[in-house]
Amino acid sequence: MKITILDYGAGNVPSVERALQRLGAESQRTNSPESISNAEALLLPGVGHYAALARALDEQNMRAPLIEALHRGVPFLGICLGLQVLFQSSEEAPHLHGLSLLPGRISALPSSVKLPHMGWNQLASKKDSRLLAGIASGAYFYFAHSYAALDSNGPFSATCTHGAEFAAVLEQKNIFAVQFHPEKSGDAGARVLQNFLRIAS
């Protein structure tokens, strides 16, 4: 099985590729609508501004084939912005639309804490998680963000807290997403990627 990485210009694509390679997984980068439509499994990494991703999905004609693939049941893993874009919109770029696969809006973390939320933090488990299988409760992961899904009523397997509680792991049918960066999260992050590879195979 080959993992198709959506490449819209995010800076963390090479590190995600290396992390997958270390696990023995084959991957390919693409911004081709046809490649997205034919993908066996999809991964959407993301760092930077929400607007860059939202605009790229439309300018590179990736939005429609991505939504169609996810509705069809293709396994998907979103990382950081790749989680946030699953929702309808974000306060970071309120005039742009997300994929609207989940209801609600991405919100800014409280200004009462240091932003961006940068560095290692612990997860709080909310329910059984296929992505977190075999990972100790309270494991640390690496975060780098100022916006998050704050509504605790979503399909969240685990949350994290930095000024407010937010979604750290999201799982709904074939759609999986994490707010942290597994490619920068050591052994625990590698296990998350390994679990996704197992789910997708």
Protein backbone atom coordinates (compact mmCIF):
# COMPACT_ATOMS: atom_id res chain seq x y z
CA MET A 1 0.00 0.00 0.00
CA LYS A 2 1.20 3.48 -0.89
CA ILE A 3 0.41 6.58 1.19
CA THR A 4 -0.48 9.58 -0.97
CA ILE A 5 0.69 12.81 0.70
CA LEU A 6 -1.15 15.93 -0.40
CA ASP A 7 1.58 18.43 -1.16
CA TYR A 8 0.28 21.98 -1.26
CA GLY A 9 3.60 23.51 -0.18
CA ALA A 10 3.62 22.80 3.58
CA GLY A 11 7.07 22.81 5.11
CA ASN A 12 6.70 19.57 7.06
CA VAL A 13 6.19 17.24 4.07
CA PRO A 14 9.84 16.02 3.96
CA SER A 15 9.85 15.19 7.68
CA VAL A 16 6.58 13.26 7.30
CA GLU A 17 8.05 11.38 4.35
CA ARG A 18 11.13 10.44 6.39
CA ALA A 19 8.98 9.28 9.30
CA LEU A 20 6.97 7.02 6.98
CA GLN A 21 10.14 5.74 5.33
CA ARG A 22 11.57 4.73 8.71
CA LEU A 23 8.46 2.60 9.20
CA GLY A 24 8.98 0.94 5.82
CA ALA A 25 6.01 2.65 4.20
CA GLU A 26 5.98 3.75 0.58
CA SER A 27 4.68 7.24 -0.08
CA GLN A 28 4.22 9.69 -2.92
CA ARG A 29 3.64 13.44 -2.96
CA THR A 30 0.93 14.86 -5.14
CA ASN A 31 -1.22 17.90 -5.86
CA SER A 32 -2.89 16.10 -8.76
CA PRO A 33 -6.67 15.65 -8.56
CA GLU A 34 -6.33 12.36 -10.44
CA SER A 35 -3.77 10.96 -7.98
CA ILE A 36 -6.01 11.94 -5.06
CA SER A 37 -8.97 10.17 -6.68
CA ASN A 38 -6.91 7.00 -7.17
CA ALA A 39 -5.20 7.00 -3.76
CA GLU A 40 -5.27 3.94 -1.49
CA ALA A 41 -4.68 6.10 1.60
CA LEU A 42 -4.32 9.86 2.03
CA LEU A 43 -2.25 11.99 4.39
CA LEU A 44 -2.61 15.77 4.69
CA PRO A 45 0.21 17.43 6.65
CA GLY A 46 0.10 21.10 7.49
CA VAL A 47 2.00 23.90 9.12
CA GLY A 48 1.60 27.66 8.82
CA HIS A 49 -1.53 29.66 8.05
CA TYR A 50 -4.97 28.14 7.52
CA ALA A 51 -5.52 30.38 4.49
CA ALA A 52 -2.58 28.82 2.62
CA LEU A 53 -4.12 25.37 2.87
CA ALA A 54 -7.72 26.43 2.18
CA ARG A 55 -6.67 28.42 -0.90
CA ALA A 56 -4.40 25.65 -2.19
CA LEU A 57 -7.22 23.12 -2.08
CA ASP A 58 -9.19 25.29 -4.50
CA GLU A 59 -6.38 26.72 -6.64
CA GLN A 60 -4.91 23.26 -7.22
CA ASN A 61 -8.35 21.64 -7.67
CA MET A 62 -7.78 19.22 -4.78
CA ARG A 63 -10.91 19.96 -2.73
CA ALA A 64 -13.52 17.99 -4.70
CA PRO A 65 -11.49 14.79 -5.24
CA LEU A 66 -10.39 14.84 -1.58
CA ILE A 67 -13.96 15.14 -0.28
CA GLU A 68 -15.13 12.44 -2.71
CA ALA A 69 -12.34 10.08 -1.63
CA LEU A 70 -13.19 10.55 2.05
CA HIS A 71 -16.90 9.97 1.43
CA ARG A 72 -15.91 6.82 -0.47
CA GLY A 73 -14.07 5.49 2.58
CA VAL A 74 -10.41 6.04 1.66
CA PRO A 75 -8.32 6.06 4.89
CA PHE A 76 -7.18 9.60 5.74
CA LEU A 77 -4.78 11.06 8.29
CA GLY A 78 -4.67 14.83 8.85
CA ILE A 79 -1.82 16.44 10.78
CA CYS A 80 -2.12 19.87 12.49
CA LEU A 81 -3.79 22.06 9.81
CA GLY A 82 -4.85 18.76 8.25
CA LEU A 83 -7.12 18.30 11.29
CA GLN A 84 -8.38 21.89 11.34
CA VAL A 85 -9.43 21.95 7.68
CA LEU A 86 -11.88 19.09 8.29
CA PHE A 87 -14.19 21.61 9.99
CA GLN A 88 -16.35 24.27 8.34
CA SER A 89 -14.08 27.26 8.94
CA SER A 90 -11.40 28.80 11.14
CA GLU A 91 -11.08 32.11 12.99
CA GLU A 92 -7.60 32.34 11.46
CA ALA A 93 -9.16 32.95 8.01
CA PRO A 94 -12.91 33.40 8.58
CA HIS A 95 -13.64 34.26 4.95
CA LEU A 96 -12.41 30.88 3.69
CA HIS A 97 -14.13 27.50 3.88
CA GLY A 98 -12.80 24.24 5.26
CA LEU A 99 -13.82 20.82 3.97
CA SER A 100 -17.00 20.91 6.13
CA LEU A 101 -16.73 17.19 6.89
CA LEU A 102 -17.24 18.05 10.55
CA PRO A 103 -19.52 20.78 11.96
CA GLY A 104 -18.09 23.76 13.79
CA ARG A 105 -15.30 26.27 13.60
CA ILE A 106 -11.65 26.25 14.58
CA SER A 107 -10.97 28.84 17.30
CA ALA A 108 -7.97 30.72 18.63
CA LEU A 109 -6.41 29.39 21.81
CA PRO A 110 -6.81 31.83 24.74
CA SER A 111 -4.45 34.82 24.74
CA SER A 112 -3.91 34.25 28.47
CA VAL A 113 -1.29 31.59 27.63
CA LYS A 114 1.87 31.80 25.54
CA LEU A 115 1.16 31.43 21.83
CA PRO A 116 1.84 29.58 19.72
CA HIS A 117 1.41 26.45 21.80
CA MET A 118 4.89 25.15 20.99
CA GLY A 119 6.52 22.06 22.45
CA TRP A 120 5.65 18.88 24.31
CA ASN A 121 2.32 18.29 26.02
CA GLN A 122 0.28 15.38 27.34
CA LEU A 123 -2.93 13.91 25.99
CA ALA A 124 -6.04 13.08 27.99
CA SER A 125 -7.83 10.00 26.68
CA LYS A 126 -11.57 10.40 26.09
CA LYS A 127 -12.45 7.02 24.54
CA ASP A 128 -10.83 4.02 22.92
CA SER A 129 -8.55 5.10 20.11
CA ARG A 130 -7.26 3.08 17.19
CA LEU A 131 -4.57 5.69 16.53
CA LEU A 132 -3.32 5.58 20.12
CA ALA A 133 -3.30 1.76 20.43
CA GLY A 134 -0.28 0.58 22.40
CA ILE A 135 0.65 4.09 23.57
CA ALA A 136 0.80 4.75 27.31
CA SER A 137 -1.86 7.04 28.77
CA GLY A 138 -0.41 10.50 29.35
CA ALA A 139 2.24 10.14 26.63
CA TYR A 140 3.80 13.39 25.42
CA PHE A 141 3.52 14.68 21.85
CA TYR A 142 4.94 17.74 20.07
CA PHE A 143 2.58 20.62 19.26
CA ALA A 144 3.01 23.82 17.24
CA HIS A 145 -0.22 25.80 16.78
CA SER A 146 -2.30 28.79 17.92
CA TYR A 147 -5.73 27.57 16.77
CA ALA A 148 -7.64 24.42 17.62
CA ALA A 149 -10.99 22.62 17.76
CA LEU A 150 -12.25 23.68 21.20
CA ASP A 151 -15.73 22.11 21.07
CA SER A 152 -15.50 18.92 23.12
CA ASN A 153 -18.61 17.42 21.49
CA GLY A 154 -16.81 16.22 18.36
CA PRO A 155 -15.55 12.70 17.56
CA PHE A 156 -12.47 13.21 19.73
CA SER A 157 -10.51 10.26 21.10
CA ALA A 158 -8.13 12.44 23.09
CA THR A 159 -7.73 16.08 24.06
CA CYS A 160 -4.92 18.30 25.27
CA THR A 161 -4.99 21.48 27.33
CA HIS A 162 -3.16 24.76 26.74
CA GLY A 163 -5.27 27.58 28.14
CA ALA A 164 -8.31 25.56 27.05
CA GLU A 165 -9.09 21.95 26.28
CA PHE A 166 -8.88 21.15 22.58
CA ALA A 167 -9.08 18.16 20.24
CA ALA A 168 -5.75 16.32 19.97
CA VAL A 169 -6.93 13.11 18.28
CA LEU A 170 -10.01 12.80 16.08
CA GLU A 171 -11.41 9.58 14.66
CA GLN A 172 -14.57 9.14 12.61
CA LYS A 173 -14.97 6.09 10.38
CA ASN A 174 -12.12 6.32 7.83
CA ILE A 175 -11.10 9.85 8.90
CA PHE A 176 -8.28 10.24 11.44
CA ALA A 177 -6.51 13.43 12.46
CA VAL A 178 -4.10 14.72 15.11
CA GLN A 179 -3.36 18.28 16.22
CA PHE A 180 0.20 17.38 17.22
CA HIS A 181 3.06 16.46 14.88
CA PRO A 182 3.69 12.70 15.01
CA GLU A 183 6.74 13.13 12.78
CA LYS A 184 8.34 15.21 15.57
CA SER A 185 7.01 13.20 18.52
CA GLY A 186 9.60 10.46 18.91
CA ASP A 187 8.57 6.86 19.58
CA ALA A 188 4.98 7.76 20.49
CA GLY A 189 4.54 9.69 17.25
CA ALA A 190 6.04 6.83 15.24
CA ARG A 191 3.52 4.48 16.86
CA VAL A 192 0.65 6.76 15.82
CA LEU A 193 1.85 6.64 12.20
CA GLN A 194 2.36 2.88 12.44
CA ASN A 195 -1.18 2.45 13.78
CA PHE A 196 -2.56 4.48 10.86
CA LEU A 197 -0.60 2.34 8.39
CA ARG A 198 -2.10 -0.76 9.98
CA ILE A 199 -5.63 0.69 9.86
CA ALA A 200 -5.21 1.72 6.22
CA SER A 201 -3.74 -1.57 5.00
